[in-house]
Amino acid sequence: MQNFNELIARTVDFKPGERNVFLHLLTQCNLSCRHCYINPTQHGTTMLPTETVRQWLRLFARPERESNLILLGGEPTLHPDLAAIIRAAKALRYAVTVDSNGFLFHDLLKRVRPVELDFLSFSLDGPDAAVNDPIRGKGVFAVCTENLRQAVSLGFRTSLICTVSALNIDHLHRMPALLTQLGVQRFFIQVIGLRGNSATGGAENLQVDRAGWLEVVPETARQAARLGIHVTYPKVFLEPGESFSCAGLAAENYFVFPNGRVYRCPLCEDYPIHSFCIENSELVQQQGLNEDRFFNLSIPEGCVMNKLLQSDNLDYLPDGSLKHRISCCMLKQEMRP
């Protein structure tokens, strides 16, 4: 048996043929989070009609292969037909996760059975209202935790996403105890990205530096694993000697928005450089200098898109050499109980 004191993070390498479809059903949301990554100018403002969703699900379905479907918004439970969409996705053999802010509109817990949903994921950015609500909105902590408790009591498999920023990193170590009380099975620690509010000036600088990340995040993950929770978090920085791998080449990831744009790299979502567009229910390759043209490039910094789009994440020594390299944003580390 592994000694809890010896728990270490394991890098989750990309699996050949791995498929993840991140489908944004709408961009509307009842909250106004300070780090929201949705950009309506680039992503659209419409709610996808249910029949369109069904067509798009068929477009990306590969029944002979394992495909993960993550239903997103905005707030996906604002879609009145979410329960029917979940069932349609399961019929196409997707593994289905719903990412919600916890408000669970349209009585979702009454309209979907636990067996019909692989995971119901909640977003919470603090261990109490004093930390969470200034980030996500007044009263959000109480609503989210109450609905999470109800979901657990009904038998839903639940996970929780916490976006780490300068506003909450000093309180992250308190999250594992809360998750244990709530009965959460999986904990996703997420790095704040330079997208949406964080990229367009709608939010102050909320970034966490390398030293702060490495001091807090791995130890918090270790605490959660000791309590029986499966933890996943981004492998933001590569160690010397570790090779860089781009998910755009090693796996199939599709980030689909209501206006029909389909990205392969989430860092690119603030820009009209998407790889594909859905036209007449067909996936059409975009021409020109788009994100997928960069995936094959090899640079000392690691991730090409990070260098191009958010180079403030990089630090250099006086001689011009790198202090550290940035991994692909889809590369994860995990700690299992």
C-alpha atoms as a PDB file:
ATOM      1  CA  MET A   1       0.000   0.000   0.000  1.00  0.00           C
ATOM      2  CA  GLN A   2       1.277   3.451  -0.886  1.00  0.00           C
ATOM      3  CA  ASN A   3       2.220   5.660   2.034  1.00  0.00           C
ATOM      4  CA  PHE A   4       0.032   8.779   2.002  1.00  0.00           C
ATOM      5  CA  ASN A   5       3.135  10.852   2.716  1.00  0.00           C
ATOM      6  CA  GLU A   6       4.646   9.559  -0.527  1.00  0.00           C
ATOM      7  CA  LEU A   7       1.764  10.550  -2.809  1.00  0.00           C
ATOM      8  CA  ILE A   8       3.200  12.081  -5.952  1.00  0.00           C
ATOM      9  CA  ALA A   9       1.635  13.548  -9.046  1.00  0.00           C
ATOM     10  CA  ARG A  10       1.494  11.401 -12.166  1.00  0.00           C
ATOM     11  CA  THR A  11       1.512  13.069 -15.558  1.00  0.00           C
ATOM     12  CA  VAL A  12      -1.451  11.877 -17.619  1.00  0.00           C
ATOM     13  CA  ASP A  13       0.003  11.420 -21.088  1.00  0.00           C
ATOM     14  CA  PHE A  14      -2.190  11.914 -24.125  1.00  0.00           C
ATOM     15  CA  LYS A  15      -3.770   8.671 -25.266  1.00  0.00           C
ATOM     16  CA  PRO A  16      -3.594   7.887 -28.985  1.00  0.00           C
ATOM     17  CA  GLY A  17      -7.048   8.469 -30.413  1.00  0.00           C
ATOM     18  CA  GLU A  18      -8.361  10.197 -27.280  1.00  0.00           C
ATOM     19  CA  ARG A  19     -11.451  12.266 -28.128  1.00  0.00           C
ATOM     20  CA  ASN A  20     -12.970  15.136 -26.157  1.00  0.00           C
ATOM     21  CA  VAL A  21     -15.821  17.279 -27.450  1.00  0.00           C
ATOM     22  CA  PHE A  22     -16.436  20.490 -25.490  1.00  0.00           C
ATOM     23  CA  LEU A  23     -19.833  21.678 -26.694  1.00  0.00           C
ATOM     24  CA  HIS A  24     -21.013  25.133 -25.637  1.00  0.00           C
ATOM     25  CA  LEU A  25     -24.803  25.038 -25.886  1.00  0.00           C
ATOM     26  CA  LEU A  26     -25.076  28.774 -25.312  1.00  0.00           C
ATOM     27  CA  THR A  27     -22.999  31.681 -24.046  1.00  0.00           C
ATOM     28  CA  GLN A  28     -25.588  33.219 -21.724  1.00  0.00           C
ATOM     29  CA  CYS A  29     -25.039  32.884 -17.986  1.00  0.00           C
ATOM     30  CA  ASN A  30     -26.782  34.052 -14.829  1.00  0.00           C
ATOM     31  CA  LEU A  31     -23.414  34.953 -13.277  1.00  0.00           C
ATOM     32  CA  SER A  32     -20.677  37.454 -14.128  1.00  0.00           C
ATOM     33  CA  CYS A  33     -17.527  35.767 -12.867  1.00  0.00           C
ATOM     34  CA  ARG A  34     -14.432  37.936 -12.801  1.00  0.00           C
ATOM     35  CA  HIS A  35     -12.412  35.358 -14.757  1.00  0.00           C
ATOM     36  CA  CYS A  36     -15.079  34.243 -17.255  1.00  0.00           C
ATOM     37  CA  TYR A  37     -13.442  33.050 -20.498  1.00  0.00           C
ATOM     38  CA  ILE A  38     -16.508  33.395 -22.736  1.00  0.00           C
ATOM     39  CA  ASN A  39     -16.130  36.072 -25.414  1.00  0.00           C
ATOM     40  CA  PRO A  40     -19.539  36.686 -27.061  1.00  0.00           C
ATOM     41  CA  THR A  41     -17.946  38.668 -29.884  1.00  0.00           C
ATOM     42  CA  GLN A  42     -16.010  35.568 -30.909  1.00  0.00           C
ATOM     43  CA  HIS A  43     -18.319  32.812 -29.651  1.00  0.00           C
ATOM     44  CA  GLY A  44     -21.787  34.136 -30.514  1.00  0.00           C
ATOM     45  CA  THR A  45     -24.760  34.992 -28.333  1.00  0.00           C
ATOM     46  CA  THR A  46     -27.347  32.444 -29.407  1.00  0.00           C
ATOM     47  CA  MET A  47     -28.714  29.377 -27.654  1.00  0.00           C
ATOM     48  CA  LEU A  48     -28.405  26.366 -29.939  1.00  0.00           C
ATOM     49  CA  PRO A  49     -31.783  24.914 -30.973  1.00  0.00           C
ATOM     50  CA  THR A  50     -32.213  21.359 -29.732  1.00  0.00           C
ATOM     51  CA  GLU A  51     -32.346  19.895 -33.231  1.00  0.00           C
ATOM     52  CA  THR A  52     -29.093  21.664 -34.105  1.00  0.00           C
ATOM     53  CA  VAL A  53     -27.492  20.165 -31.005  1.00  0.00           C
ATOM     54  CA  ARG A  54     -28.653  16.702 -32.070  1.00  0.00           C
ATOM     55  CA  GLN A  55     -27.152  17.221 -35.537  1.00  0.00           C
ATOM     56  CA  TRP A  56     -23.856  18.387 -34.085  1.00  0.00           C
ATOM     57  CA  LEU A  57     -23.733  15.458 -31.675  1.00  0.00           C
ATOM     58  CA  ARG A  58     -24.109  13.088 -34.613  1.00  0.00           C
ATOM     59  CA  LEU A  59     -21.408  15.012 -36.484  1.00  0.00           C
ATOM     60  CA  PHE A  60     -18.794  14.384 -33.776  1.00  0.00           C
ATOM     61  CA  ALA A  61     -20.018  10.963 -32.624  1.00  0.00           C
ATOM     62  CA  ARG A  62     -17.743   7.958 -33.038  1.00  0.00           C
ATOM     63  CA  PRO A  63     -19.719   5.058 -31.501  1.00  0.00           C
ATOM     64  CA  GLU A  64     -16.854   2.648 -32.121  1.00  0.00           C
ATOM     65  CA  ARG A  65     -14.465   4.791 -30.046  1.00  0.00           C
ATOM     66  CA  GLU A  66     -14.591   6.277 -26.576  1.00  0.00           C
ATOM     67  CA  SER A  67     -15.583   9.938 -26.808  1.00  0.00           C
ATOM     68  CA  ASN A  68     -16.014  12.327 -23.913  1.00  0.00           C
ATOM     69  CA  LEU A  69     -18.648  15.029 -24.248  1.00  0.00           C
ATOM     70  CA  ILE A  70     -18.553  18.023 -21.946  1.00  0.00           C
ATOM     71  CA  LEU A  71     -21.680  20.194 -22.138  1.00  0.00           C
ATOM     72  CA  LEU A  72     -20.879  23.814 -21.349  1.00  0.00           C
ATOM     73  CA  GLY A  73     -22.148  27.363 -21.534  1.00  0.00           C
ATOM     74  CA  GLY A  74     -22.363  30.029 -20.362  1.00  0.00           C
ATOM     75  CA  GLU A  75     -24.506  28.046 -17.999  1.00  0.00           C
ATOM     76  CA  PRO A  76     -25.681  24.856 -19.781  1.00  0.00           C
ATOM     77  CA  THR A  77     -28.613  24.226 -17.425  1.00  0.00           C
ATOM     78  CA  LEU A  78     -30.217  27.403 -18.814  1.00  0.00           C
ATOM     79  CA  HIS A  79     -30.960  25.323 -21.929  1.00  0.00           C
ATOM     80  CA  PRO A  80     -34.555  24.098 -21.435  1.00  0.00           C
ATOM     81  CA  ASP A  81     -33.913  20.823 -23.298  1.00  0.00           C
ATOM     82  CA  LEU A  82     -30.671  19.852 -21.559  1.00  0.00           C
ATOM     83  CA  ALA A  83     -32.158  16.606 -20.231  1.00  0.00           C
ATOM     84  CA  ALA A  84     -33.159  15.516 -23.735  1.00  0.00           C
ATOM     85  CA  ILE A  85     -29.727  16.518 -25.055  1.00  0.00           C
ATOM     86  CA  ILE A  86     -28.030  14.370 -22.417  1.00  0.00           C
ATOM     87  CA  ARG A  87     -30.131  11.365 -23.380  1.00  0.00           C
ATOM     88  CA  ALA A  88     -29.449  11.940 -27.086  1.00  0.00           C
ATOM     89  CA  ALA A  89     -25.711  12.039 -26.360  1.00  0.00           C
ATOM     90  CA  LYS A  90     -25.819   8.828 -24.323  1.00  0.00           C
ATOM     91  CA  ALA A  91     -27.677   7.116 -27.167  1.00  0.00           C
ATOM     92  CA  LEU A  92     -24.668   7.992 -29.349  1.00  0.00           C
ATOM     93  CA  ARG A  93     -22.375   6.379 -26.745  1.00  0.00           C
ATOM     94  CA  TYR A  94     -20.754   9.549 -25.462  1.00  0.00           C
ATOM     95  CA  ALA A  95     -19.468   9.704 -21.900  1.00  0.00           C
ATOM     96  CA  VAL A  96     -21.329  12.837 -20.786  1.00  0.00           C
ATOM     97  CA  THR A  97     -20.335  15.501 -18.272  1.00  0.00           C
ATOM     98  CA  VAL A  98     -22.291  18.673 -17.550  1.00  0.00           C
ATOM     99  CA  ASP A  99     -20.227  21.624 -16.277  1.00  0.00           C
ATOM    100  CA  SER A 100     -22.515  23.882 -14.228  1.00  0.00           C
ATOM    101  CA  ASN A 101     -22.118  26.881 -11.964  1.00  0.00           C
ATOM    102  CA  GLY A 102     -24.366  25.026  -9.533  1.00  0.00           C
ATOM    103  CA  PHE A 103     -27.696  26.734 -10.057  1.00  0.00           C
ATOM    104  CA  LEU A 104     -29.134  23.758 -11.985  1.00  0.00           C
ATOM    105  CA  PHE A 105     -31.993  25.493 -13.752  1.00  0.00           C
ATOM    106  CA  HIS A 106     -35.068  23.727 -15.162  1.00  0.00           C
ATOM    107  CA  ASP A 107     -35.087  21.154 -12.328  1.00  0.00           C
ATOM    108  CA  LEU A 108     -32.232  19.198 -13.882  1.00  0.00           C
ATOM    109  CA  LEU A 109     -31.905  16.835 -10.922  1.00  0.00           C
ATOM    110  CA  LYS A 110     -35.542  15.829 -11.341  1.00  0.00           C
ATOM    111  CA  ARG A 111     -35.374  15.437 -15.110  1.00  0.00           C
ATOM    112  CA  VAL A 112     -32.194  13.353 -15.385  1.00  0.00           C
ATOM    113  CA  ARG A 113     -31.387  10.105 -13.608  1.00  0.00           C
ATOM    114  CA  PRO A 114     -27.879   9.524 -12.214  1.00  0.00           C
ATOM    115  CA  VAL A 115     -27.406   6.580 -14.597  1.00  0.00           C
ATOM    116  CA  GLU A 116     -27.923   8.925 -17.571  1.00  0.00           C
ATOM    117  CA  LEU A 117     -25.027  11.221 -16.671  1.00  0.00           C
ATOM    118  CA  ASP A 118     -21.406  10.223 -16.179  1.00  0.00           C
ATOM    119  CA  PHE A 119     -20.493  13.295 -14.144  1.00  0.00           C
ATOM    120  CA  LEU A 120     -22.188  16.437 -12.923  1.00  0.00           C
ATOM    121  CA  SER A 121     -19.463  19.013 -12.392  1.00  0.00           C
ATOM    122  CA  PHE A 122     -19.821  22.118 -10.221  1.00  0.00           C
ATOM    123  CA  SER A 123     -17.685  25.267 -10.283  1.00  0.00           C
ATOM    124  CA  LEU A 124     -16.681  26.788  -6.971  1.00  0.00           C
ATOM    125  CA  ASP A 125     -13.740  29.090  -6.342  1.00  0.00           C
ATOM    126  CA  GLY A 126     -13.471  29.208  -2.588  1.00  0.00           C
ATOM    127  CA  PRO A 127     -14.024  27.187   0.586  1.00  0.00           C
ATOM    128  CA  ASP A 128     -16.618  29.646   1.891  1.00  0.00           C
ATOM    129  CA  ALA A 129     -18.778  32.526   0.726  1.00  0.00           C
ATOM    130  CA  ALA A 130     -16.238  35.123   1.840  1.00  0.00           C
ATOM    131  CA  VAL A 131     -13.740  33.838  -0.735  1.00  0.00           C
ATOM    132  CA  ASN A 132     -16.017  32.470  -3.462  1.00  0.00           C
ATOM    133  CA  ASP A 133     -18.725  35.100  -3.772  1.00  0.00           C
ATOM    134  CA  PRO A 134     -16.507  38.136  -4.553  1.00  0.00           C
ATOM    135  CA  ILE A 135     -15.270  36.089  -7.537  1.00  0.00           C
ATOM    136  CA  ARG A 136     -18.486  34.441  -8.737  1.00  0.00           C
ATOM    137  CA  GLY A 137     -21.302  36.542  -7.279  1.00  0.00           C
ATOM    138  CA  LYS A 138     -23.271  37.176  -4.098  1.00  0.00           C
ATOM    139  CA  GLY A 139     -25.073  34.111  -2.757  1.00  0.00           C
ATOM    140  CA  VAL A 140     -23.417  31.709  -5.220  1.00  0.00           C
ATOM    141  CA  PHE A 141     -21.590  29.663  -2.592  1.00  0.00           C
ATOM    142  CA  ALA A 142     -24.791  28.824  -0.710  1.00  0.00           C
ATOM    143  CA  VAL A 143     -26.739  27.850  -3.837  1.00  0.00           C
ATOM    144  CA  CYS A 144     -23.929  25.813  -5.365  1.00  0.00           C
ATOM    145  CA  THR A 145     -23.098  23.818  -2.231  1.00  0.00           C
ATOM    146  CA  GLU A 146     -26.753  23.106  -1.445  1.00  0.00           C
ATOM    147  CA  ASN A 147     -27.405  21.791  -4.963  1.00  0.00           C
ATOM    148  CA  LEU A 148     -24.190  19.787  -4.854  1.00  0.00           C
ATOM    149  CA  ARG A 149     -25.280  18.121  -1.618  1.00  0.00           C
ATOM    150  CA  GLN A 150     -28.634  17.307  -3.191  1.00  0.00           C
ATOM    151  CA  ALA A 151     -26.973  15.829  -6.281  1.00  0.00           C
ATOM    152  CA  VAL A 152     -24.755  13.615  -4.117  1.00  0.00           C
ATOM    153  CA  SER A 153     -27.726  12.458  -2.051  1.00  0.00           C
ATOM    154  CA  LEU A 154     -29.553  11.448  -5.242  1.00  0.00           C
ATOM    155  CA  GLY A 155     -26.625   9.328  -6.395  1.00  0.00           C
ATOM    156  CA  PHE A 156     -25.053  11.549  -9.077  1.00  0.00           C
ATOM    157  CA  ARG A 157     -21.312  11.219  -9.577  1.00  0.00           C
ATOM    158  CA  THR A 158     -19.987  14.684  -8.864  1.00  0.00           C
ATOM    159  CA  SER A 159     -16.828  16.656  -9.480  1.00  0.00           C
ATOM    160  CA  LEU A 160     -15.801  20.173  -8.575  1.00  0.00           C
ATOM    161  CA  ILE A 161     -13.757  22.676 -10.580  1.00  0.00           C
ATOM    162  CA  CYS A 162     -11.811  25.411  -8.826  1.00  0.00           C
ATOM    163  CA  THR A 163     -10.103  28.079 -10.920  1.00  0.00           C
ATOM    164  CA  VAL A 164      -6.972  29.218  -9.124  1.00  0.00           C
ATOM    165  CA  SER A 165      -6.188  32.922  -9.241  1.00  0.00           C
ATOM    166  CA  ALA A 166      -4.547  35.588  -7.127  1.00  0.00           C
ATOM    167  CA  LEU A 167      -7.923  36.021  -5.432  1.00  0.00           C
ATOM    168  CA  ASN A 168      -8.135  32.547  -3.939  1.00  0.00           C
ATOM    169  CA  ILE A 169      -4.798  30.725  -4.030  1.00  0.00           C
ATOM    170  CA  ASP A 170      -4.134  31.507  -0.356  1.00  0.00           C
ATOM    171  CA  HIS A 171      -7.353  29.626   0.506  1.00  0.00           C
ATOM    172  CA  LEU A 172      -6.958  26.650  -1.825  1.00  0.00           C
ATOM    173  CA  HIS A 173      -5.576  24.454   0.959  1.00  0.00           C
ATOM    174  CA  ARG A 174      -8.991  24.655   2.662  1.00  0.00           C
ATOM    175  CA  MET A 175     -10.862  23.173  -0.297  1.00  0.00           C
ATOM    176  CA  PRO A 176     -10.187  19.435   0.336  1.00  0.00           C
ATOM    177  CA  ALA A 177     -11.985  19.504   3.694  1.00  0.00           C
ATOM    178  CA  LEU A 178     -15.022  21.140   2.079  1.00  0.00           C
ATOM    179  CA  LEU A 179     -15.073  18.602  -0.744  1.00  0.00           C
ATOM    180  CA  THR A 180     -15.012  15.774   1.767  1.00  0.00           C
ATOM    181  CA  GLN A 181     -17.993  17.267   3.604  1.00  0.00           C
ATOM    182  CA  LEU A 182     -19.891  17.628   0.331  1.00  0.00           C
ATOM    183  CA  GLY A 183     -19.109  14.093  -0.870  1.00  0.00           C
ATOM    184  CA  VAL A 184     -17.341  15.161  -4.083  1.00  0.00           C
ATOM    185  CA  GLN A 185     -15.531  12.357  -5.913  1.00  0.00           C
ATOM    186  CA  ARG A 186     -13.254  14.287  -8.249  1.00  0.00           C
ATOM    187  CA  PHE A 187     -11.475  17.628  -7.867  1.00  0.00           C
ATOM    188  CA  PHE A 188     -10.243  19.614 -10.865  1.00  0.00           C
ATOM    189  CA  ILE A 189      -7.853  22.446 -10.071  1.00  0.00           C
ATOM    190  CA  GLN A 190      -7.796  24.802 -13.038  1.00  0.00           C
ATOM    191  CA  VAL A 191      -5.318  27.525 -13.937  1.00  0.00           C
ATOM    192  CA  ILE A 192      -6.775  30.877 -14.898  1.00  0.00           C
ATOM    193  CA  GLY A 193      -6.301  31.529 -18.599  1.00  0.00           C
ATOM    194  CA  LEU A 194      -5.683  34.734 -20.487  1.00  0.00           C
ATOM    195  CA  ARG A 195      -9.011  34.519 -22.278  1.00  0.00           C
ATOM    196  CA  GLY A 196     -12.291  36.364 -22.078  1.00  0.00           C
ATOM    197  CA  ASN A 197     -12.346  38.822 -19.162  1.00  0.00           C
ATOM    198  CA  SER A 198      -8.769  38.027 -18.216  1.00  0.00           C
ATOM    199  CA  ALA A 199      -7.532  38.886 -21.704  1.00  0.00           C
ATOM    200  CA  THR A 200      -9.715  41.846 -22.688  1.00  0.00           C
ATOM    201  CA  GLY A 201      -9.287  44.049 -19.645  1.00  0.00           C
ATOM    202  CA  GLY A 202     -12.551  43.064 -18.009  1.00  0.00           C
ATOM    203  CA  ALA A 203     -10.634  41.725 -15.042  1.00  0.00           C
ATOM    204  CA  GLU A 204      -7.551  42.782 -13.132  1.00  0.00           C
ATOM    205  CA  ASN A 205      -4.376  40.745 -13.305  1.00  0.00           C
ATOM    206  CA  LEU A 206      -5.387  37.521 -11.571  1.00  0.00           C
ATOM    207  CA  GLN A 207      -2.483  35.372 -12.744  1.00  0.00           C
ATOM    208  CA  VAL A 208      -0.516  33.208 -10.310  1.00  0.00           C
ATOM    209  CA  ASP A 209       3.268  33.023 -10.738  1.00  0.00           C
ATOM    210  CA  ARG A 210       5.206  29.785 -11.019  1.00  0.00           C
ATOM    211  CA  ALA A 211       6.508  29.835  -7.451  1.00  0.00           C
ATOM    212  CA  GLY A 212       3.049  30.370  -5.991  1.00  0.00           C
ATOM    213  CA  TRP A 213       1.510  27.649  -8.146  1.00  0.00           C
ATOM    214  CA  LEU A 214       4.143  25.048  -7.273  1.00  0.00           C
ATOM    215  CA  GLU A 215       4.072  25.923  -3.587  1.00  0.00           C
ATOM    216  CA  VAL A 216       0.310  25.536  -3.198  1.00  0.00           C
ATOM    217  CA  VAL A 217      -1.299  23.368  -5.882  1.00  0.00           C
ATOM    218  CA  PRO A 218       0.599  20.037  -5.590  1.00  0.00           C
ATOM    219  CA  GLU A 219       0.302  20.026  -1.794  1.00  0.00           C
ATOM    220  CA  THR A 220      -3.430  20.781  -1.958  1.00  0.00           C
ATOM    221  CA  ALA A 221      -3.843  17.924  -4.438  1.00  0.00           C
ATOM    222  CA  ARG A 222      -1.966  15.657  -2.057  1.00  0.00           C
ATOM    223  CA  GLN A 223      -4.264  16.643   0.825  1.00  0.00           C
ATOM    224  CA  ALA A 224      -7.340  15.870  -1.273  1.00  0.00           C
ATOM    225  CA  ALA A 225      -5.968  12.493  -2.377  1.00  0.00           C
ATOM    226  CA  ARG A 226      -5.311  11.582   1.237  1.00  0.00           C
ATOM    227  CA  LEU A 227      -9.002  12.245   1.876  1.00  0.00           C
ATOM    228  CA  GLY A 228     -10.038   9.853  -0.903  1.00  0.00           C
ATOM    229  CA  ILE A 229     -10.611  12.368  -3.707  1.00  0.00           C
ATOM    230  CA  HIS A 230      -9.246  11.917  -7.239  1.00  0.00           C
ATOM    231  CA  VAL A 231      -7.456  15.155  -8.164  1.00  0.00           C
ATOM    232  CA  THR A 232      -6.472  16.481 -11.590  1.00  0.00           C
ATOM    233  CA  TYR A 233      -4.643  19.719 -12.335  1.00  0.00           C
ATOM    234  CA  PRO A 234      -2.727  21.239 -15.266  1.00  0.00           C
ATOM    235  CA  LYS A 235       0.929  20.462 -15.717  1.00  0.00           C
ATOM    236  CA  VAL A 236       1.712  24.079 -16.455  1.00  0.00           C
ATOM    237  CA  PHE A 237       5.507  23.906 -16.360  1.00  0.00           C
ATOM    238  CA  LEU A 238       7.796  21.294 -17.898  1.00  0.00           C
ATOM    239  CA  GLU A 239      10.758  20.030 -15.929  1.00  0.00           C
ATOM    240  CA  PRO A 240      14.222  19.958 -17.552  1.00  0.00           C
ATOM    241  CA  GLY A 241      14.451  16.948 -19.832  1.00  0.00           C
ATOM    242  CA  GLU A 242      10.681  16.529 -20.254  1.00  0.00           C
ATOM    243  CA  SER A 243       9.532  16.546 -23.854  1.00  0.00           C
ATOM    244  CA  PHE A 244       6.794  18.822 -25.133  1.00  0.00           C
ATOM    245  CA  SER A 245       3.720  17.299 -26.761  1.00  0.00           C
ATOM    246  CA  CYS A 246       0.852  19.233 -28.341  1.00  0.00           C
ATOM    247  CA  ALA A 247      -2.668  17.901 -27.828  1.00  0.00           C
ATOM    248  CA  GLY A 248      -3.553  19.302 -31.240  1.00  0.00           C
ATOM    249  CA  LEU A 249      -1.375  16.546 -32.716  1.00  0.00           C
ATOM    250  CA  ALA A 250      -1.628  13.788 -30.113  1.00  0.00           C
ATOM    251  CA  ALA A 251      -5.382  13.769 -29.421  1.00  0.00           C
ATOM    252  CA  GLU A 252      -8.710  14.910 -30.811  1.00  0.00           C
ATOM    253  CA  ASN A 253     -10.068  17.872 -28.896  1.00  0.00           C
ATOM    254  CA  TYR A 254     -12.896  19.966 -30.298  1.00  0.00           C
ATOM    255  CA  PHE A 255     -14.070  23.181 -28.630  1.00  0.00           C
ATOM    256  CA  VAL A 256     -17.410  23.935 -30.255  1.00  0.00           C
ATOM    257  CA  PHE A 257     -19.254  27.250 -29.930  1.00  0.00           C
ATOM    258  CA  PRO A 258     -22.825  28.282 -30.795  1.00  0.00           C
ATOM    259  CA  ASN A 259     -21.726  30.317 -33.818  1.00  0.00           C
ATOM    260  CA  GLY A 260     -20.295  27.153 -35.377  1.00  0.00           C
ATOM    261  CA  ARG A 261     -16.623  27.825 -34.716  1.00  0.00           C
ATOM    262  CA  VAL A 262     -14.626  24.728 -33.780  1.00  0.00           C
ATOM    263  CA  TYR A 263     -11.215  25.191 -32.179  1.00  0.00           C
ATOM    264  CA  ARG A 264      -8.581  22.559 -31.478  1.00  0.00           C
ATOM    265  CA  CYS A 265      -6.654  24.732 -28.999  1.00  0.00           C
ATOM    266  CA  PRO A 266      -8.442  26.553 -26.152  1.00  0.00           C
ATOM    267  CA  LEU A 267      -5.794  29.282 -26.041  1.00  0.00           C
ATOM    268  CA  CYS A 268      -7.000  30.464 -29.445  1.00  0.00           C
ATOM    269  CA  GLU A 269     -10.641  31.016 -28.580  1.00  0.00           C
ATOM    270  CA  ASP A 270     -10.406  34.823 -28.407  1.00  0.00           C
ATOM    271  CA  TYR A 271      -9.352  34.941 -32.054  1.00  0.00           C
ATOM    272  CA  PRO A 272     -10.928  34.020 -35.429  1.00  0.00           C
ATOM    273  CA  ILE A 273      -8.247  31.402 -36.132  1.00  0.00           C
ATOM    274  CA  HIS A 274     -10.372  28.288 -35.560  1.00  0.00           C
ATOM    275  CA  SER A 275      -9.471  25.089 -37.404  1.00  0.00           C
ATOM    276  CA  PHE A 276     -13.009  24.200 -38.454  1.00  0.00           C
ATOM    277  CA  CYS A 277     -16.447  25.672 -38.871  1.00  0.00           C
ATOM    278  CA  ILE A 278     -19.756  23.811 -38.898  1.00  0.00           C
ATOM    279  CA  GLU A 279     -21.644  24.629 -42.074  1.00  0.00           C
ATOM    280  CA  ASN A 280     -24.856  22.837 -43.046  1.00  0.00           C
ATOM    281  CA  SER A 281     -24.143  20.213 -40.365  1.00  0.00           C
ATOM    282  CA  GLU A 282     -20.738  19.447 -41.878  1.00  0.00           C
ATOM    283  CA  LEU A 283     -17.314  20.033 -40.362  1.00  0.00           C
ATOM    284  CA  VAL A 284     -15.452  22.273 -42.796  1.00  0.00           C
ATOM    285  CA  GLN A 285     -11.670  22.793 -42.621  1.00  0.00           C
ATOM    286  CA  GLN A 286     -10.809  26.487 -42.550  1.00  0.00           C
ATOM    287  CA  GLN A 287      -8.282  27.811 -45.026  1.00  0.00           C
ATOM    288  CA  GLY A 288      -5.487  30.241 -44.291  1.00  0.00           C
ATOM    289  CA  LEU A 289      -3.173  30.821 -41.357  1.00  0.00           C
ATOM    290  CA  ASN A 290      -5.153  29.246 -38.518  1.00  0.00           C
ATOM    291  CA  GLU A 291      -4.301  27.562 -35.218  1.00  0.00           C
ATOM    292  CA  ASP A 292      -3.644  24.114 -36.672  1.00  0.00           C
ATOM    293  CA  ARG A 293      -0.856  25.498 -38.870  1.00  0.00           C
ATOM    294  CA  PHE A 294       1.217  26.133 -35.730  1.00  0.00           C
ATOM    295  CA  PHE A 295       0.864  22.816 -33.891  1.00  0.00           C
ATOM    296  CA  ASN A 296       3.856  21.210 -35.655  1.00  0.00           C
ATOM    297  CA  LEU A 297       6.274  24.008 -34.800  1.00  0.00           C
ATOM    298  CA  SER A 298       8.998  23.288 -32.262  1.00  0.00           C
ATOM    299  CA  ILE A 299      10.316  26.146 -30.121  1.00  0.00           C
ATOM    300  CA  PRO A 300      12.402  26.271 -26.926  1.00  0.00           C
ATOM    301  CA  GLU A 301       9.481  27.765 -24.984  1.00  0.00           C
ATOM    302  CA  GLY A 302       7.351  24.633 -25.492  1.00  0.00           C
ATOM    303  CA  CYS A 303       3.799  25.657 -26.400  1.00  0.00           C
ATOM    304  CA  VAL A 304       3.788  27.733 -29.589  1.00  0.00           C
ATOM    305  CA  MET A 305       0.329  29.178 -28.957  1.00  0.00           C
ATOM    306  CA  ASN A 306       1.307  30.290 -25.464  1.00  0.00           C
ATOM    307  CA  LYS A 307       4.358  32.085 -26.937  1.00  0.00           C
ATOM    308  CA  LEU A 308       2.217  33.780 -29.588  1.00  0.00           C
ATOM    309  CA  LEU A 309      -0.853  34.676 -27.556  1.00  0.00           C
ATOM    310  CA  GLN A 310       0.118  35.003 -23.892  1.00  0.00           C
ATOM    311  CA  SER A 311       3.874  35.374 -23.731  1.00  0.00           C
ATOM    312  CA  ASP A 312       3.622  37.200 -20.391  1.00  0.00           C
ATOM    313  CA  ASN A 313       3.549  33.699 -18.871  1.00  0.00           C
ATOM    314  CA  LEU A 314       7.185  33.211 -19.907  1.00  0.00           C
ATOM    315  CA  ASP A 315      10.224  34.220 -17.876  1.00  0.00           C
ATOM    316  CA  TYR A 316      13.778  34.542 -19.177  1.00  0.00           C
ATOM    317  CA  LEU A 317      17.158  34.741 -17.508  1.00  0.00           C
ATOM    318  CA  PRO A 318      19.469  37.736 -18.142  1.00  0.00           C
ATOM    319  CA  ASP A 319      21.300  35.771 -20.844  1.00  0.00           C
ATOM    320  CA  GLY A 320      18.054  35.259 -22.738  1.00  0.00           C
ATOM    321  CA  SER A 321      17.600  31.600 -21.852  1.00  0.00           C
ATOM    322  CA  LEU A 322      14.321  30.306 -20.447  1.00  0.00           C
ATOM    323  CA  LYS A 323      13.658  29.918 -16.756  1.00  0.00           C
ATOM    324  CA  HIS A 324      11.073  27.243 -17.603  1.00  0.00           C
ATOM    325  CA  ARG A 325       9.051  25.863 -20.498  1.00  0.00           C
ATOM    326  CA  ILE A 326       5.266  25.872 -20.769  1.00  0.00           C
ATOM    327  CA  SER A 327       3.500  22.571 -21.412  1.00  0.00           C
ATOM    328  CA  CYS A 328       0.415  22.076 -23.540  1.00  0.00           C
ATOM    329  CA  CYS A 329      -2.574  23.423 -21.591  1.00  0.00           C
ATOM    330  CA  MET A 330      -4.352  20.076 -22.052  1.00  0.00           C
ATOM    331  CA  LEU A 331      -1.583  18.118 -20.310  1.00  0.00           C
ATOM    332  CA  LYS A 332      -2.648  17.124 -16.804  1.00  0.00           C
ATOM    333  CA  GLN A 333      -1.255  15.732 -13.619  1.00  0.00           C
ATOM    334  CA  GLU A 334      -3.280  13.637 -11.236  1.00  0.00           C
ATOM    335  CA  MET A 335      -3.195  12.220  -7.756  1.00  0.00           C
ATOM    336  CA  ARG A 336      -5.391   9.261  -6.975  1.00  0.00           C
ATOM    337  CA  PRO A 337      -6.491   8.208  -3.479  1.00  0.00           C
END
